Amino acid sequence: MKKMTIVLLLTFSIINAFAQKEFSKNEFSINGFRNPSVGAEYRYRHISIHAGYYLTNFESGITTKFIRTGLTYWFLPVGRKEHPSSFYSSISYARGLSKDYKNQNAAIGEVGFRWMAYRGINLRIGAAALSAKGKDVQINPTPGISYSFFF
C-alpha cells in the first residue's frame, strides 16, 4: 500500500508539473509550411478551423498539391507557459490540384503535437492519412511551422 501511495503521489506530481489549466480563448495563426497547410487558422479554446494550400510528397521528388480546409481539436496541453504546447487531432477536406489527384476530393485525418517554441513561433510534427476514391490510403509525416497571435 505504501508503494502504491508513493507511485500515485509521484504520478500526480509529474502530471501537475506538465499540466496546463486551459488554453487561451482565441488564437490566429499564419501557417508557413505544410501543417495543416500554407494558410491561416483560427482557434477558439479547444477547436480550430484552417484553410490553405497543402503540398505533400507521396513519392520522393514528386509533389502533389491540394487545397485543404478542416477542423482541429486541441487536447492535453503541456507546460506552464502562458500558451502551452499540446497534442491535436484533425480532419480535413482536400481538393486535388495536380498529378493523380487533380480535381478529386479527398479526406485527411491527422494526429500530432505542437511545440510552442518561442513567443508566437510554434513547430508541429504529425502523421496524416489521406484517402481518396479509387486510390490507396497515403500516410506521411506532416511537419509545420507557424506564427500565432493570441487575443
N, C-alpha and C. Protein backbone atom coordinates (compact mmCIF):
# COMPACT_ATOMS: atom_id res chain seq x y z
N MET A 1 0.83 -1.20 0.00
CA MET A 1 0.00 0.00 0.00
C MET A 1 0.87 1.26 0.00
N LYS A 2 1.97 1.19 0.75
CA LYS A 2 2.87 2.34 0.83
C LYS A 2 3.49 2.64 -0.54
N LYS A 3 3.90 1.58 -1.27
CA LYS A 3 4.47 1.75 -2.59
C LYS A 3 3.45 2.35 -3.56
N MET A 4 2.22 1.89 -3.47
CA MET A 4 1.16 2.40 -4.34
C MET A 4 0.91 3.88 -4.07
N THR A 5 0.90 4.28 -2.81
CA THR A 5 0.71 5.68 -2.45
C THR A 5 1.84 6.54 -3.01
N ILE A 6 3.07 6.06 -2.91
CA ILE A 6 4.23 6.79 -3.43
C ILE A 6 4.12 6.93 -4.95
N VAL A 7 3.74 5.85 -5.63
CA VAL A 7 3.58 5.88 -7.08
C VAL A 7 2.49 6.88 -7.48
N LEU A 8 1.36 6.87 -6.77
CA LEU A 8 0.27 7.81 -7.06
C LEU A 8 0.70 9.25 -6.84
N LEU A 9 1.39 9.53 -5.74
CA LEU A 9 1.87 10.89 -5.47
C LEU A 9 2.86 11.34 -6.53
N LEU A 10 3.75 10.47 -6.92
CA LEU A 10 4.73 10.78 -7.96
C LEU A 10 4.03 11.04 -9.29
N THR A 11 3.05 10.22 -9.63
CA THR A 11 2.30 10.39 -10.88
C THR A 11 1.57 11.73 -10.89
N PHE A 12 0.88 12.07 -9.81
CA PHE A 12 0.17 13.35 -9.74
C PHE A 12 1.14 14.52 -9.77
N SER A 13 2.31 14.38 -9.18
CA SER A 13 3.32 15.44 -9.21
C SER A 13 3.81 15.67 -10.63
N ILE A 14 4.06 14.60 -11.37
CA ILE A 14 4.51 14.72 -12.76
C ILE A 14 3.43 15.36 -13.61
N ILE A 15 2.19 14.89 -13.46
CA ILE A 15 1.08 15.46 -14.22
C ILE A 15 0.93 16.95 -13.90
N ASN A 16 1.01 17.30 -12.64
CA ASN A 16 0.87 18.70 -12.23
C ASN A 16 2.02 19.55 -12.77
N ALA A 17 3.21 18.98 -12.84
CA ALA A 17 4.37 19.73 -13.33
C ALA A 17 4.23 20.07 -14.81
N PHE A 18 3.57 19.20 -15.59
CA PHE A 18 3.46 19.42 -17.02
C PHE A 18 2.08 19.90 -17.46
N ALA A 19 1.11 19.85 -16.59
CA ALA A 19 -0.25 20.19 -16.98
C ALA A 19 -0.47 21.70 -17.05
N GLN A 20 -1.26 22.11 -17.99
CA GLN A 20 -1.67 23.50 -18.15
C GLN A 20 -3.16 23.52 -17.86
N LYS A 21 -3.62 24.50 -17.12
CA LYS A 21 -5.03 24.50 -16.76
C LYS A 21 -5.95 24.67 -17.96
N GLU A 22 -5.63 25.60 -18.89
CA GLU A 22 -6.51 25.79 -20.04
C GLU A 22 -5.79 26.52 -21.16
N PHE A 23 -6.39 26.43 -22.33
CA PHE A 23 -5.88 27.14 -23.50
C PHE A 23 -6.33 28.60 -23.45
N SER A 24 -5.63 29.46 -24.18
CA SER A 24 -6.10 30.83 -24.32
C SER A 24 -7.42 30.79 -25.08
N LYS A 25 -8.18 31.86 -24.97
CA LYS A 25 -9.51 31.86 -25.57
C LYS A 25 -9.46 31.90 -27.10
N ASN A 26 -8.64 32.79 -27.67
CA ASN A 26 -8.58 32.96 -29.12
C ASN A 26 -7.14 32.96 -29.61
N GLU A 27 -6.96 32.41 -30.81
CA GLU A 27 -5.64 32.39 -31.44
C GLU A 27 -5.83 32.44 -32.95
N PHE A 28 -5.01 33.25 -33.60
CA PHE A 28 -4.99 33.30 -35.06
C PHE A 28 -3.57 32.96 -35.49
N SER A 29 -3.42 31.99 -36.38
CA SER A 29 -2.09 31.55 -36.82
C SER A 29 -1.91 31.70 -38.31
N ILE A 30 -0.70 32.09 -38.67
CA ILE A 30 -0.28 32.10 -40.08
C ILE A 30 0.64 30.90 -40.21
N ASN A 31 0.23 29.95 -41.03
CA ASN A 31 0.97 28.70 -41.19
C ASN A 31 1.86 28.80 -42.43
N GLY A 32 3.17 28.65 -42.21
CA GLY A 32 4.12 28.84 -43.29
C GLY A 32 4.59 27.58 -43.97
N PHE A 33 4.26 26.43 -43.45
CA PHE A 33 4.72 25.20 -44.09
C PHE A 33 3.78 24.05 -43.75
N ARG A 34 3.26 23.42 -44.69
CA ARG A 34 2.57 22.15 -44.76
C ARG A 34 1.55 21.78 -43.68
N ASN A 35 1.78 22.04 -42.42
CA ASN A 35 0.89 21.53 -41.38
C ASN A 35 0.11 22.65 -40.73
N PRO A 36 -1.19 22.73 -40.81
CA PRO A 36 -2.04 21.86 -41.60
C PRO A 36 -2.00 22.21 -43.09
N SER A 37 -1.60 23.45 -43.42
CA SER A 37 -1.44 23.87 -44.81
C SER A 37 -0.72 25.22 -44.79
N VAL A 38 -0.30 25.69 -45.95
CA VAL A 38 0.24 27.04 -46.05
C VAL A 38 -0.99 27.93 -46.13
N GLY A 39 -1.32 28.57 -45.03
CA GLY A 39 -2.56 29.34 -44.97
C GLY A 39 -2.78 29.92 -43.60
N ALA A 40 -4.03 29.90 -43.15
CA ALA A 40 -4.40 30.52 -41.89
C ALA A 40 -5.25 29.56 -41.06
N GLU A 41 -5.27 29.86 -39.75
CA GLU A 41 -6.02 29.02 -38.81
C GLU A 41 -6.53 29.90 -37.67
N TYR A 42 -7.76 29.66 -37.28
CA TYR A 42 -8.34 30.37 -36.14
C TYR A 42 -8.78 29.33 -35.10
N ARG A 43 -8.32 29.53 -33.84
CA ARG A 43 -8.69 28.61 -32.75
C ARG A 43 -9.50 29.36 -31.72
N TYR A 44 -10.59 28.75 -31.27
CA TYR A 44 -11.38 29.22 -30.14
C TYR A 44 -11.35 28.11 -29.10
N ARG A 45 -10.65 28.36 -27.99
CA ARG A 45 -10.44 27.38 -26.94
C ARG A 45 -9.83 26.08 -27.48
N HIS A 46 -10.60 24.98 -27.58
CA HIS A 46 -10.07 23.68 -28.00
C HIS A 46 -10.30 23.33 -29.47
N ILE A 47 -10.99 24.18 -30.20
CA ILE A 47 -11.35 23.87 -31.59
C ILE A 47 -10.79 24.94 -32.53
N SER A 48 -10.22 24.49 -33.65
CA SER A 48 -9.77 25.46 -34.64
C SER A 48 -10.25 25.05 -36.03
N ILE A 49 -10.29 26.04 -36.91
CA ILE A 49 -10.63 25.84 -38.31
C ILE A 49 -9.45 26.35 -39.13
N HIS A 50 -9.09 25.62 -40.18
CA HIS A 50 -7.95 26.03 -41.00
C HIS A 50 -8.30 25.93 -42.48
N ALA A 51 -7.55 26.69 -43.30
CA ALA A 51 -7.70 26.63 -44.75
C ALA A 51 -6.39 27.07 -45.39
N GLY A 52 -6.07 26.45 -46.52
CA GLY A 52 -4.87 26.85 -47.23
C GLY A 52 -4.46 25.88 -48.32
N TYR A 53 -3.23 26.03 -48.73
CA TYR A 53 -2.61 25.28 -49.81
C TYR A 53 -1.75 24.19 -49.20
N TYR A 54 -2.01 22.93 -49.54
CA TYR A 54 -1.33 21.79 -48.94
C TYR A 54 -0.48 21.07 -49.97
N LEU A 55 0.81 20.94 -49.69
CA LEU A 55 1.75 20.23 -50.56
C LEU A 55 2.21 18.96 -49.85
N THR A 56 2.33 17.87 -50.59
CA THR A 56 2.84 16.66 -49.98
C THR A 56 3.59 15.84 -51.02
N ASN A 57 4.45 14.97 -50.55
CA ASN A 57 5.22 14.07 -51.42
C ASN A 57 4.89 12.64 -51.04
N PHE A 58 4.09 11.98 -51.87
CA PHE A 58 3.81 10.57 -51.66
C PHE A 58 4.97 9.72 -52.18
N GLU A 59 5.68 10.27 -53.17
CA GLU A 59 6.87 9.64 -53.73
C GLU A 59 8.00 10.67 -53.70
N SER A 60 9.21 10.22 -53.50
CA SER A 60 10.35 11.11 -53.45
C SER A 60 10.46 11.93 -54.74
N GLY A 61 10.56 13.25 -54.58
CA GLY A 61 10.74 14.14 -55.71
C GLY A 61 9.49 14.49 -56.48
N ILE A 62 8.33 13.95 -56.10
CA ILE A 62 7.07 14.24 -56.79
C ILE A 62 6.12 14.92 -55.80
N THR A 63 5.81 16.19 -56.06
CA THR A 63 4.95 16.97 -55.17
C THR A 63 3.52 16.96 -55.69
N THR A 64 2.58 16.65 -54.80
CA THR A 64 1.17 16.68 -55.12
C THR A 64 0.56 17.84 -54.34
N LYS A 65 -0.29 18.63 -55.01
CA LYS A 65 -0.85 19.86 -54.43
C LYS A 65 -2.35 19.73 -54.19
N PHE A 66 -2.79 20.32 -53.09
CA PHE A 66 -4.20 20.31 -52.70
C PHE A 66 -4.59 21.67 -52.12
N ILE A 67 -5.88 21.95 -52.16
CA ILE A 67 -6.48 22.98 -51.31
C ILE A 67 -7.05 22.21 -50.14
N ARG A 68 -6.81 22.70 -48.90
CA ARG A 68 -7.22 21.94 -47.71
C ARG A 68 -7.94 22.85 -46.72
N THR A 69 -9.03 22.34 -46.16
CA THR A 69 -9.75 23.04 -45.10
C THR A 69 -10.29 22.01 -44.11
N GLY A 70 -10.35 22.38 -42.83
CA GLY A 70 -10.83 21.41 -41.86
C GLY A 70 -10.89 21.92 -40.44
N LEU A 71 -11.14 20.99 -39.53
CA LEU A 71 -11.26 21.28 -38.11
C LEU A 71 -10.19 20.53 -37.33
N THR A 72 -9.72 21.17 -36.26
CA THR A 72 -8.72 20.55 -35.39
C THR A 72 -9.22 20.62 -33.95
N TYR A 73 -9.00 19.55 -33.21
CA TYR A 73 -9.30 19.51 -31.78
C TYR A 73 -7.96 19.47 -31.03
N TRP A 74 -7.76 20.41 -30.11
CA TRP A 74 -6.53 20.53 -29.31
C TRP A 74 -6.77 19.94 -27.94
N PHE A 75 -5.81 19.13 -27.44
CA PHE A 75 -6.01 18.48 -26.14
C PHE A 75 -4.67 18.24 -25.45
N LEU A 76 -4.73 17.88 -24.18
CA LEU A 76 -3.56 17.61 -23.34
C LEU A 76 -2.49 18.69 -23.42
N PRO A 77 -2.84 19.92 -23.02
CA PRO A 77 -1.82 20.98 -23.01
C PRO A 77 -0.68 20.61 -22.08
N VAL A 78 0.53 20.98 -22.50
CA VAL A 78 1.74 20.61 -21.77
C VAL A 78 2.53 21.87 -21.41
N GLY A 79 2.98 21.94 -20.17
CA GLY A 79 3.83 23.05 -19.74
C GLY A 79 3.10 24.10 -18.96
N ARG A 80 3.86 25.03 -18.46
CA ARG A 80 3.29 26.10 -17.64
C ARG A 80 3.42 27.46 -18.30
N LYS A 81 3.73 27.47 -19.59
CA LYS A 81 3.81 28.72 -20.33
C LYS A 81 2.41 29.32 -20.46
N GLU A 82 2.37 30.59 -20.76
CA GLU A 82 1.09 31.26 -20.96
C GLU A 82 0.31 30.59 -22.10
N HIS A 83 1.03 30.17 -23.15
CA HIS A 83 0.43 29.48 -24.28
C HIS A 83 1.10 28.11 -24.38
N PRO A 84 0.40 27.07 -23.96
CA PRO A 84 1.02 25.75 -23.84
C PRO A 84 1.20 25.01 -25.17
N SER A 85 2.15 24.11 -25.17
CA SER A 85 2.27 23.15 -26.25
C SER A 85 1.13 22.15 -26.05
N SER A 86 0.77 21.40 -27.09
CA SER A 86 -0.33 20.45 -26.92
C SER A 86 -0.39 19.45 -28.06
N PHE A 87 -1.20 18.45 -27.86
CA PHE A 87 -1.48 17.45 -28.88
C PHE A 87 -2.70 17.91 -29.68
N TYR A 88 -2.85 17.37 -30.87
CA TYR A 88 -4.01 17.72 -31.69
C TYR A 88 -4.44 16.55 -32.56
N SER A 89 -5.67 16.63 -33.00
CA SER A 89 -6.24 15.67 -33.94
C SER A 89 -7.11 16.47 -34.90
N SER A 90 -6.97 16.21 -36.19
CA SER A 90 -7.77 16.99 -37.13
C SER A 90 -8.35 16.13 -38.24
N ILE A 91 -9.38 16.67 -38.85
CA ILE A 91 -10.00 16.06 -40.02
C ILE A 91 -10.19 17.17 -41.03
N SER A 92 -9.88 16.86 -42.29
CA SER A 92 -9.92 17.90 -43.32
C SER A 92 -10.50 17.37 -44.63
N TYR A 93 -11.01 18.32 -45.39
CA TYR A 93 -11.42 18.07 -46.77
C TYR A 93 -10.30 18.64 -47.64
N ALA A 94 -9.91 17.89 -48.67
CA ALA A 94 -8.88 18.37 -49.59
C ALA A 94 -9.37 18.20 -51.03
N ARG A 95 -8.99 19.14 -51.87
CA ARG A 95 -9.32 19.08 -53.29
C ARG A 95 -8.01 19.06 -54.07
N GLY A 96 -7.80 18.00 -54.84
CA GLY A 96 -6.56 17.84 -55.59
C GLY A 96 -6.39 18.88 -56.69
N LEU A 97 -5.16 19.39 -56.82
CA LEU A 97 -4.85 20.37 -57.84
C LEU A 97 -3.86 19.85 -58.88
N SER A 98 -3.24 18.71 -58.60
CA SER A 98 -2.21 18.22 -59.52
C SER A 98 -2.08 16.70 -59.48
N LYS A 99 -1.29 16.20 -60.41
CA LYS A 99 -0.93 14.78 -60.52
C LYS A 99 -2.18 13.90 -60.57
N ASP A 100 -2.12 12.74 -59.94
CA ASP A 100 -3.22 11.77 -59.97
C ASP A 100 -4.46 12.24 -59.20
N TYR A 101 -4.32 13.31 -58.42
CA TYR A 101 -5.44 13.78 -57.59
C TYR A 101 -6.13 15.01 -58.18
N LYS A 102 -5.74 15.44 -59.36
CA LYS A 102 -6.32 16.65 -59.95
C LYS A 102 -7.84 16.55 -60.02
N ASN A 103 -8.51 17.57 -59.46
CA ASN A 103 -9.98 17.67 -59.42
C ASN A 103 -10.65 16.55 -58.64
N GLN A 104 -9.93 15.87 -57.76
CA GLN A 104 -10.52 14.83 -56.92
C GLN A 104 -10.70 15.32 -55.50
N ASN A 105 -11.75 14.81 -54.84
CA ASN A 105 -11.98 15.09 -53.43
C ASN A 105 -11.23 14.07 -52.59
N ALA A 106 -10.76 14.51 -51.43
CA ALA A 106 -10.04 13.62 -50.51
C ALA A 106 -10.35 14.02 -49.08
N ALA A 107 -10.15 13.08 -48.18
CA ALA A 107 -10.28 13.33 -46.74
C ALA A 107 -8.92 13.08 -46.12
N ILE A 108 -8.57 13.92 -45.13
CA ILE A 108 -7.29 13.78 -44.43
C ILE A 108 -7.57 13.72 -42.93
N GLY A 109 -7.08 12.68 -42.29
CA GLY A 109 -7.11 12.57 -40.83
C GLY A 109 -5.68 12.72 -40.33
N GLU A 110 -5.50 13.45 -39.26
CA GLU A 110 -4.14 13.73 -38.78
C GLU A 110 -4.09 13.78 -37.26
N VAL A 111 -2.98 13.33 -36.70
CA VAL A 111 -2.70 13.47 -35.27
C VAL A 111 -1.27 13.96 -35.12
N GLY A 112 -1.01 14.70 -34.02
CA GLY A 112 0.35 15.18 -33.82
C GLY A 112 0.52 16.00 -32.57
N PHE A 113 1.63 16.71 -32.52
CA PHE A 113 1.99 17.53 -31.38
C PHE A 113 2.49 18.88 -31.86
N ARG A 114 2.07 19.95 -31.18
CA ARG A 114 2.54 21.30 -31.47
C ARG A 114 3.37 21.79 -30.30
N TRP A 115 4.60 22.18 -30.59
CA TRP A 115 5.50 22.72 -29.58
C TRP A 115 5.55 24.24 -29.73
N MET A 116 5.19 24.94 -28.67
CA MET A 116 5.28 26.40 -28.65
C MET A 116 6.74 26.74 -28.35
N ALA A 117 7.51 26.99 -29.39
CA ALA A 117 8.96 27.14 -29.26
C ALA A 117 9.38 28.46 -28.62
N TYR A 118 8.89 29.58 -29.12
CA TYR A 118 9.31 30.88 -28.60
C TYR A 118 8.27 31.92 -28.95
N ARG A 119 7.70 32.52 -27.93
CA ARG A 119 6.63 33.50 -28.11
C ARG A 119 5.56 32.94 -29.02
N GLY A 120 5.32 33.52 -30.20
CA GLY A 120 4.27 33.00 -31.09
C GLY A 120 4.73 31.93 -32.05
N ILE A 121 6.03 31.67 -32.10
CA ILE A 121 6.53 30.67 -33.04
C ILE A 121 6.24 29.27 -32.52
N ASN A 122 5.64 28.44 -33.36
CA ASN A 122 5.37 27.07 -32.96
C ASN A 122 5.71 26.11 -34.09
N LEU A 123 6.12 24.92 -33.68
CA LEU A 123 6.51 23.86 -34.60
C LEU A 123 5.59 22.66 -34.40
N ARG A 124 5.21 22.03 -35.48
CA ARG A 124 4.33 20.86 -35.39
C ARG A 124 4.98 19.66 -36.05
N ILE A 125 4.67 18.51 -35.51
CA ILE A 125 5.01 17.25 -36.16
C ILE A 125 3.82 16.32 -36.00
N GLY A 126 3.42 15.73 -37.09
CA GLY A 126 2.26 14.85 -37.06
C GLY A 126 2.36 13.78 -38.12
N ALA A 127 1.31 13.00 -38.21
CA ALA A 127 1.18 11.99 -39.25
C ALA A 127 -0.23 12.10 -39.81
N ALA A 128 -0.31 12.11 -41.14
CA ALA A 128 -1.60 12.26 -41.81
C ALA A 128 -1.90 11.05 -42.68
N ALA A 129 -3.18 10.74 -42.77
CA ALA A 129 -3.65 9.69 -43.67
C ALA A 129 -4.61 10.35 -44.66
N LEU A 130 -4.28 10.28 -45.95
CA LEU A 130 -5.10 10.88 -46.99
C LEU A 130 -5.82 9.77 -47.74
N SER A 131 -7.12 9.93 -47.88
CA SER A 131 -7.94 8.93 -48.55
C SER A 131 -8.75 9.60 -49.66
N ALA A 132 -8.71 9.01 -50.85
CA ALA A 132 -9.49 9.50 -51.99
C ALA A 132 -10.08 8.30 -52.72
N LYS A 133 -11.21 8.50 -53.34
CA LYS A 133 -11.91 7.43 -54.05
C LYS A 133 -11.01 6.84 -55.15
N GLY A 134 -10.89 5.52 -55.12
CA GLY A 134 -10.12 4.83 -56.13
C GLY A 134 -8.61 4.85 -55.92
N LYS A 135 -8.16 5.38 -54.80
CA LYS A 135 -6.72 5.47 -54.51
C LYS A 135 -6.41 4.74 -53.20
N ASP A 136 -5.17 4.29 -53.08
CA ASP A 136 -4.71 3.73 -51.82
C ASP A 136 -4.60 4.83 -50.78
N VAL A 137 -4.82 4.50 -49.53
CA VAL A 137 -4.63 5.47 -48.44
C VAL A 137 -3.14 5.79 -48.36
N GLN A 138 -2.82 7.07 -48.32
CA GLN A 138 -1.44 7.54 -48.25
C GLN A 138 -1.17 8.07 -46.85
N ILE A 139 -0.12 7.60 -46.22
CA ILE A 139 0.26 8.07 -44.88
C ILE A 139 1.63 8.72 -44.98
N ASN A 140 1.73 9.92 -44.42
CA ASN A 140 3.02 10.60 -44.46
C ASN A 140 3.19 11.54 -43.27
N PRO A 141 4.44 11.92 -42.96
CA PRO A 141 4.68 12.87 -41.86
C PRO A 141 4.24 14.27 -42.27
N THR A 142 3.86 15.05 -41.29
CA THR A 142 3.39 16.41 -41.56
C THR A 142 4.08 17.41 -40.63
N PRO A 143 5.29 17.83 -40.97
CA PRO A 143 5.94 18.87 -40.18
C PRO A 143 5.31 20.23 -40.51
N GLY A 144 5.47 21.18 -39.61
CA GLY A 144 4.94 22.52 -39.87
C GLY A 144 5.58 23.56 -39.00
N ILE A 145 5.50 24.81 -39.47
CA ILE A 145 5.94 25.96 -38.68
C ILE A 145 4.90 27.05 -38.85
N SER A 146 4.58 27.73 -37.73
CA SER A 146 3.54 28.76 -37.74
C SER A 146 3.93 29.88 -36.78
N TYR A 147 3.24 31.01 -36.97
CA TYR A 147 3.34 32.10 -36.00
C TYR A 147 1.92 32.42 -35.55
N SER A 148 1.72 32.48 -34.24
CA SER A 148 0.39 32.68 -33.68
C SER A 148 0.26 34.01 -32.95
N PHE A 149 -0.92 34.59 -33.09
CA PHE A 149 -1.31 35.81 -32.37
C PHE A 149 -2.42 35.41 -31.40
N PHE A 150 -2.29 35.81 -30.14
CA PHE A 150 -3.26 35.44 -29.11
C PHE A 150 -4.03 36.68 -28.66
N PHE A 151 -5.32 36.50 -28.50
CA PHE A 151 -6.17 37.62 -28.03
C PHE A 151 -7.36 37.11 -27.28
